[in-house]
């Protein structure tokens, strides 16, 4: 009788693990805040991707450089995303981004505003895809525009 009860408990535990793992989607492992820091040739860009379970992506970007002319940009945006077949797909529209800071040292406001509009257009001109996505604990890797893409869970 004791062996039957132990076997039943084992079987119940196994069934529960299968049910839980089947109900979790790949999307569940993506949900949360992830950070990417790029520091190249005096330009530092920190981007935070916050993937929500409802299919929205909040992105915060903070860019600054230490060379002349100095430039500082802080922007936040929200859009929809999908995560299927190890590919994250999203597209921002110009109205999806709010630039709380956009400064270029030594330029007048009209030129700075023109550069801001050009930056918005270039950032939102196409659907973005991160392919070959792999999530291993707190590290997400993939390919973006032919280059390795790495995020760290916050």
C-alpha atoms as a PDB file:
ATOM      1  CA  UNK A   1       0.000   0.000   0.000  1.00  0.00           C
ATOM      2  CA  UNK A   2       2.850   2.354   0.873  1.00  0.00           C
ATOM      3  CA  UNK A   3       4.473   1.734  -2.538  1.00  0.00           C
ATOM      4  CA  UNK A   4       1.186   2.470  -4.285  1.00  0.00           C
ATOM      5  CA  UNK A   5       0.823   5.784  -2.416  1.00  0.00           C
ATOM      6  CA  UNK A   6       4.427   6.736  -3.174  1.00  0.00           C
ATOM      7  CA  UNK A   7       3.895   5.834  -6.839  1.00  0.00           C
ATOM      8  CA  UNK A   8       0.675   7.861  -6.923  1.00  0.00           C
ATOM      9  CA  UNK A   9       2.448  10.892  -5.425  1.00  0.00           C
ATOM     10  CA  UNK A  10       5.252  10.513  -7.955  1.00  0.00           C
ATOM     11  CA  UNK A  11       2.774  10.259 -10.827  1.00  0.00           C
ATOM     12  CA  UNK A  12       0.796  13.281  -9.573  1.00  0.00           C
ATOM     13  CA  UNK A  13       3.997  15.355  -9.317  1.00  0.00           C
ATOM     14  CA  UNK A  14       5.035  14.327 -12.825  1.00  0.00           C
ATOM     15  CA  UNK A  15       1.614  15.223 -14.262  1.00  0.00           C
ATOM     16  CA  UNK A  16       1.683  18.617 -12.535  1.00  0.00           C
ATOM     17  CA  UNK A  17       5.142  19.387 -13.922  1.00  0.00           C
ATOM     18  CA  UNK A  18       3.960  18.526 -17.439  1.00  0.00           C
ATOM     19  CA  UNK A  19       0.836  20.690 -17.059  1.00  0.00           C
ATOM     20  CA  UNK A  20       2.832  23.654 -15.725  1.00  0.00           C
ATOM     21  CA  UNK A  21       5.528  23.411 -18.386  1.00  0.00           C
ATOM     22  CA  UNK A  22       2.945  23.119 -21.172  1.00  0.00           C
ATOM     23  CA  UNK A  23       1.044  26.148 -19.908  1.00  0.00           C
ATOM     24  CA  UNK A  24       4.190  28.304 -19.865  1.00  0.00           C
ATOM     25  CA  UNK A  25       4.964  29.847 -23.209  1.00  0.00           C
ATOM     26  CA  UNK A  26       8.240  31.148 -24.548  1.00  0.00           C
ATOM     27  CA  UNK A  27       6.662  34.565 -24.067  1.00  0.00           C
ATOM     28  CA  UNK A  28       6.612  34.018 -20.286  1.00  0.00           C
ATOM     29  CA  UNK A  29      10.411  33.788 -20.194  1.00  0.00           C
ATOM     30  CA  UNK A  30      10.687  37.077 -22.097  1.00  0.00           C
ATOM     31  CA  UNK A  31       8.331  39.122 -19.890  1.00  0.00           C
ATOM     32  CA  UNK A  32      10.192  41.603 -17.694  1.00  0.00           C
ATOM     33  CA  UNK A  33      12.904  44.248 -17.923  1.00  0.00           C
ATOM     34  CA  UNK A  34      16.070  43.656 -19.918  1.00  0.00           C
ATOM     35  CA  UNK A  35      19.031  46.003 -20.372  1.00  0.00           C
ATOM     36  CA  UNK A  36      21.547  46.499 -23.140  1.00  0.00           C
ATOM     37  CA  UNK A  37      24.605  48.720 -22.703  1.00  0.00           C
ATOM     38  CA  UNK A  38      26.716  49.645 -25.703  1.00  0.00           C
ATOM     39  CA  UNK A  39      29.859  51.733 -25.244  1.00  0.00           C
ATOM     40  CA  UNK A  40      31.736  52.361 -28.481  1.00  0.00           C
ATOM     41  CA  UNK A  41      34.046  55.154 -29.565  1.00  0.00           C
ATOM     42  CA  UNK A  42      32.954  57.517 -26.802  1.00  0.00           C
ATOM     43  CA  UNK A  43      29.222  56.922 -27.274  1.00  0.00           C
ATOM     44  CA  UNK A  44      27.370  55.156 -24.487  1.00  0.00           C
ATOM     45  CA  UNK A  45      23.831  53.902 -25.084  1.00  0.00           C
ATOM     46  CA  UNK A  46      21.815  52.239 -22.326  1.00  0.00           C
ATOM     47  CA  UNK A  47      18.547  50.758 -23.528  1.00  0.00           C
ATOM     48  CA  UNK A  48      15.957  49.117 -21.297  1.00  0.00           C
ATOM     49  CA  UNK A  49      13.366  46.865 -22.901  1.00  0.00           C
ATOM     50  CA  UNK A  50      10.342  46.102 -20.721  1.00  0.00           C
ATOM     51  CA  UNK A  51       8.291  43.297 -22.280  1.00  0.00           C
ATOM     52  CA  UNK A  52       4.785  43.113 -20.819  1.00  0.00           C
ATOM     53  CA  UNK A  53       2.571  40.005 -20.819  1.00  0.00           C
ATOM     54  CA  UNK A  54      -0.132  41.928 -22.723  1.00  0.00           C
ATOM     55  CA  UNK A  55       2.145  42.179 -25.804  1.00  0.00           C
ATOM     56  CA  UNK A  56       3.360  45.734 -25.269  1.00  0.00           C
ATOM     57  CA  UNK A  57       6.979  46.779 -25.172  1.00  0.00           C
ATOM     58  CA  UNK A  58       8.175  49.846 -23.243  1.00  0.00           C
ATOM     59  CA  UNK A  59      11.608  51.021 -24.268  1.00  0.00           C
ATOM     60  CA  UNK A  60      13.815  53.585 -22.515  1.00  0.00           C
ATOM     61  CA  UNK A  61      16.981  54.809 -24.188  1.00  0.00           C
ATOM     62  CA  UNK A  62      19.671  57.034 -22.703  1.00  0.00           C
ATOM     63  CA  UNK A  63      22.508  58.049 -25.023  1.00  0.00           C
ATOM     64  CA  UNK A  64      25.411  60.355 -24.387  1.00  0.00           C
ATOM     65  CA  UNK A  65      28.826  60.883 -25.866  1.00  0.00           C
ATOM     66  CA  UNK A  66      32.005  62.324 -24.509  1.00  0.00           C
ATOM     67  CA  UNK A  67      33.360  63.694 -27.779  1.00  0.00           C
ATOM     68  CA  UNK A  68      32.757  67.008 -29.495  1.00  0.00           C
ATOM     69  CA  UNK A  69      30.090  67.957 -30.212  1.00  0.00           C
ATOM     70  CA  UNK A  70      28.575  66.550 -27.050  1.00  0.00           C
ATOM     71  CA  UNK A  71      25.193  64.952 -27.545  1.00  0.00           C
ATOM     72  CA  UNK A  72      22.598  63.731 -25.058  1.00  0.00           C
ATOM     73  CA  UNK A  73      19.362  61.937 -25.842  1.00  0.00           C
ATOM     74  CA  UNK A  74      16.777  60.404 -23.510  1.00  0.00           C
ATOM     75  CA  UNK A  75      13.717  58.793 -25.084  1.00  0.00           C
ATOM     76  CA  UNK A  76      10.829  56.552 -24.084  1.00  0.00           C
ATOM     77  CA  UNK A  77       8.524  54.625 -26.386  1.00  0.00           C
ATOM     78  CA  UNK A  78       5.743  52.057 -26.299  1.00  0.00           C
ATOM     79  CA  UNK A  79       4.633  49.689 -29.059  1.00  0.00           C
ATOM     80  CA  UNK A  80       3.288  46.173 -29.623  1.00  0.00           C
ATOM     81  CA  UNK A  81       5.601  43.165 -29.984  1.00  0.00           C
ATOM     82  CA  UNK A  82       5.350  39.495 -30.854  1.00  0.00           C
ATOM     83  CA  UNK A  83       7.614  36.636 -29.799  1.00  0.00           C
ATOM     84  CA  UNK A  84       7.223  33.619 -32.063  1.00  0.00           C
ATOM     85  CA  UNK A  85       9.622  31.054 -33.503  1.00  0.00           C
ATOM     86  CA  UNK A  86      12.544  32.516 -31.518  1.00  0.00           C
ATOM     87  CA  UNK A  87      11.973  35.942 -33.112  1.00  0.00           C
ATOM     88  CA  UNK A  88      10.972  39.176 -31.378  1.00  0.00           C
ATOM     89  CA  UNK A  89       9.235  41.556 -33.790  1.00  0.00           C
ATOM     90  CA  UNK A  90       8.212  45.149 -33.043  1.00  0.00           C
ATOM     91  CA  UNK A  91       7.762  48.485 -34.782  1.00  0.00           C
ATOM     92  CA  UNK A  92       7.692  51.945 -33.278  1.00  0.00           C
ATOM     93  CA  UNK A  93       5.976  54.834 -35.031  1.00  0.00           C
ATOM     94  CA  UNK A  94       7.316  58.396 -34.655  1.00  0.00           C
ATOM     95  CA  UNK A  95       4.412  59.321 -32.345  1.00  0.00           C
ATOM     96  CA  UNK A  96       5.281  56.320 -30.098  1.00  0.00           C
ATOM     97  CA  UNK A  97       8.459  58.039 -28.856  1.00  0.00           C
ATOM     98  CA  UNK A  98       8.796  60.873 -26.379  1.00  0.00           C
ATOM     99  CA  UNK A  99      12.204  62.554 -26.306  1.00  0.00           C
ATOM    100  CA  UNK A 100      12.534  64.171 -22.888  1.00  0.00           C
ATOM    101  CA  UNK A 101      16.098  65.257 -23.735  1.00  0.00           C
ATOM    102  CA  UNK A 102      17.686  65.896 -27.120  1.00  0.00           C
ATOM    103  CA  UNK A 103      20.712  68.166 -27.009  1.00  0.00           C
ATOM    104  CA  UNK A 104      23.571  68.713 -29.439  1.00  0.00           C
ATOM    105  CA  UNK A 105      26.334  71.033 -28.270  1.00  0.00           C
ATOM    106  CA  UNK A 106      26.987  74.049 -30.476  1.00  0.00           C
ATOM    107  CA  UNK A 107      23.901  73.781 -32.700  1.00  0.00           C
ATOM    108  CA  UNK A 108      21.004  76.197 -32.832  1.00  0.00           C
ATOM    109  CA  UNK A 109      17.520  75.001 -31.886  1.00  0.00           C
ATOM    110  CA  UNK A 110      16.225  74.786 -35.481  1.00  0.00           C
ATOM    111  CA  UNK A 111      19.103  72.497 -36.517  1.00  0.00           C
ATOM    112  CA  UNK A 112      18.707  70.419 -33.352  1.00  0.00           C
ATOM    113  CA  UNK A 113      14.974  70.046 -34.054  1.00  0.00           C
ATOM    114  CA  UNK A 114      15.712  68.918 -37.634  1.00  0.00           C
ATOM    115  CA  UNK A 115      18.170  66.316 -36.367  1.00  0.00           C
ATOM    116  CA  UNK A 116      15.564  65.149 -33.807  1.00  0.00           C
ATOM    117  CA  UNK A 117      12.962  64.616 -36.558  1.00  0.00           C
ATOM    118  CA  UNK A 118      15.491  62.736 -38.693  1.00  0.00           C
ATOM    119  CA  UNK A 119      16.423  60.580 -35.671  1.00  0.00           C
ATOM    120  CA  UNK A 120      12.746  59.754 -35.009  1.00  0.00           C
ATOM    121  CA  UNK A 121      12.258  58.760 -38.636  1.00  0.00           C
ATOM    122  CA  UNK A 122      15.356  56.541 -38.723  1.00  0.00           C
ATOM    123  CA  UNK A 123      14.451  54.860 -35.409  1.00  0.00           C
ATOM    124  CA  UNK A 124      10.914  54.087 -36.518  1.00  0.00           C
ATOM    125  CA  UNK A 125      11.254  53.553 -40.259  1.00  0.00           C
ATOM    126  CA  UNK A 126      11.102  49.759 -40.250  1.00  0.00           C
ATOM    127  CA  UNK A 127       9.846  46.721 -38.453  1.00  0.00           C
ATOM    128  CA  UNK A 128      12.570  45.500 -36.122  1.00  0.00           C
ATOM    129  CA  UNK A 129      13.358  41.807 -35.723  1.00  0.00           C
ATOM    130  CA  UNK A 130      15.631  40.100 -33.255  1.00  0.00           C
ATOM    131  CA  UNK A 131      16.112  36.566 -34.578  1.00  0.00           C
ATOM    132  CA  UNK A 132      17.632  33.383 -33.129  1.00  0.00           C
ATOM    133  CA  UNK A 133      16.542  34.495 -29.650  1.00  0.00           C
ATOM    134  CA  UNK A 134      17.775  32.306 -26.814  1.00  0.00           C
ATOM    135  CA  UNK A 135      16.983  32.987 -23.176  1.00  0.00           C
ATOM    136  CA  UNK A 136      19.286  31.364 -20.656  1.00  0.00           C
ATOM    137  CA  UNK A 137      18.403  32.538 -17.156  1.00  0.00           C
ATOM    138  CA  UNK A 138      19.156  36.253 -17.015  1.00  0.00           C
ATOM    139  CA  UNK A 139      20.769  36.465 -20.453  1.00  0.00           C
ATOM    140  CA  UNK A 140      18.991  36.919 -23.781  1.00  0.00           C
ATOM    141  CA  UNK A 141      20.974  36.555 -26.979  1.00  0.00           C
ATOM    142  CA  UNK A 142      19.916  36.915 -30.576  1.00  0.00           C
ATOM    143  CA  UNK A 143      20.770  38.485 -33.904  1.00  0.00           C
ATOM    144  CA  UNK A 144      19.784  42.031 -34.885  1.00  0.00           C
ATOM    145  CA  UNK A 145      20.745  43.408 -38.308  1.00  0.00           C
ATOM    146  CA  UNK A 146      23.348  40.649 -38.674  1.00  0.00           C
ATOM    147  CA  UNK A 147      25.032  41.431 -35.355  1.00  0.00           C
ATOM    148  CA  UNK A 148      24.940  39.653 -32.000  1.00  0.00           C
ATOM    149  CA  UNK A 149      22.378  41.166 -29.658  1.00  0.00           C
ATOM    150  CA  UNK A 150      22.711  40.659 -25.878  1.00  0.00           C
ATOM    151  CA  UNK A 151      20.351  41.730 -23.108  1.00  0.00           C
ATOM    152  CA  UNK A 152      20.673  41.146 -19.371  1.00  0.00           C
ATOM    153  CA  UNK A 153      17.604  40.739 -17.150  1.00  0.00           C
ATOM    154  CA  UNK A 154      17.298  43.522 -14.575  1.00  0.00           C
END
